[in-house]
Amino acid sequence: MPVATQGSVKTLTSSDLREAGYGLILSNAYHLYLRPGVEIIEKAGGLGEFISWDGLILTDSGGYQVFSMADLRKVSDDGVEFSSHIDGSRHFLTPEAVLDIQFKLKSNIIMPLDQPLAYPASKIDAERALDRTLLWAKRSKEHFLKYYDFENKNRPLLFGIIQGATYKDLRKRSIEELLGIGFDGYAVGGVSVGEPKSLTYEIINYVALNLDRDKPLYVMGMGTPYDILKGVEAGVDMFDCIIPTRHGRTGTAFTWRGKKVVRNARYKDDMLSLDSECDCFVCRNYNTAYIRHLINSSEISGLRLLSFHNIYFYSKLMEKIRVALREGNLGELISKMSVFYKEE
């Protein structure tokens, strides 16, 4: 999922996302709640109408954003009180209120409020956060059922978020209790929060092995090309990450031969496309030297061209993964891509 935190994938339009092959994007309920406000989006007919996007939308609850503001929030079992990072105004959000916000946004996939922790976290802290996450998950499901019948195929989907930091026994408990509550899909939260990459993969593999595989598995906030390949190998179905567009805005292109730092002087007279194996409109129409010139001249069009190329690359990577899964040669694809991306 391309990340449209505030209803926009930076520098790109909804038609760009469609052209790149996407049908699902991610937005953030916390940011949209604060600005422009749920009432304005509701007046437009929902987030999709507000941003002219006819695809599907997953909204993150904003739990990560709230819990990253240690000095601006207070947490209890009832919910989270916090100060807006925009104007300092005080807000209190319960698990039920977070769902109500996403109902009004007309999200297609809803994420409940949870309590993630940065790495390293003590087991006592991790267990306390897990207790609260599970309590909120139960309350979220109960609140959801007040509005939607789970047998209704036209309703939004509700995912459960697996927490437990780097402790496998806590992760197992999280899985078992969430399965008991029952959700449409499950997300691995609390990874890519400072831990070594090897530990990230270990936790994801452990969760995937212990989860009901009849439901989609989503890893939140992780997404280098190699991360995605290793995640799929473990059994992950869904990803989101700001990496492709953030790298684009800072002058780096993802290619089938590894990352290309376009800002570098070596590309000042490179009249070839960013990637000879790519057929996106950027590679069909522009040379690398020109894109470098735009980036180094701080021209906005350069950010847009690189961002589009990168999300197109990610879309094609997912296509290649799906083909490899059907043909039974995912390992071959991973080996091929590892030559260029394993260092990630």
Foldseek 3Di string as FASTA:
>chain_A
DEEPAQLDNPLDALVLCVLLPDQEYEYELVNVCVPPHLVVQLVLVASCSVRVHPGAYEYELCQVVQQVCVVFWDDDLQFIWGADPPPRDIDTDGQLNSVVSCVSNVHQEYETHAHADAPPDDQVVQLVRLVSLLSSLLVNLVSVVVPDDPVDPPHHFYEREQGRALDLVSSLVSQVSNVVSDGQAYEYPHPPRPDDPVSSLVNLLSNLVNHDLVHAYEYEADDDLLRVLSNVVSPHDYYYHSVQLVCLLQQWAQELQAIDRLLDPVQLPFQAFPYPPDDPPRRVPGGSNVLNVCNVVVNSVSSSSSSSRSSSVVSVSVVVCVVCVVVVNSVVVSVSSCVHPVVD
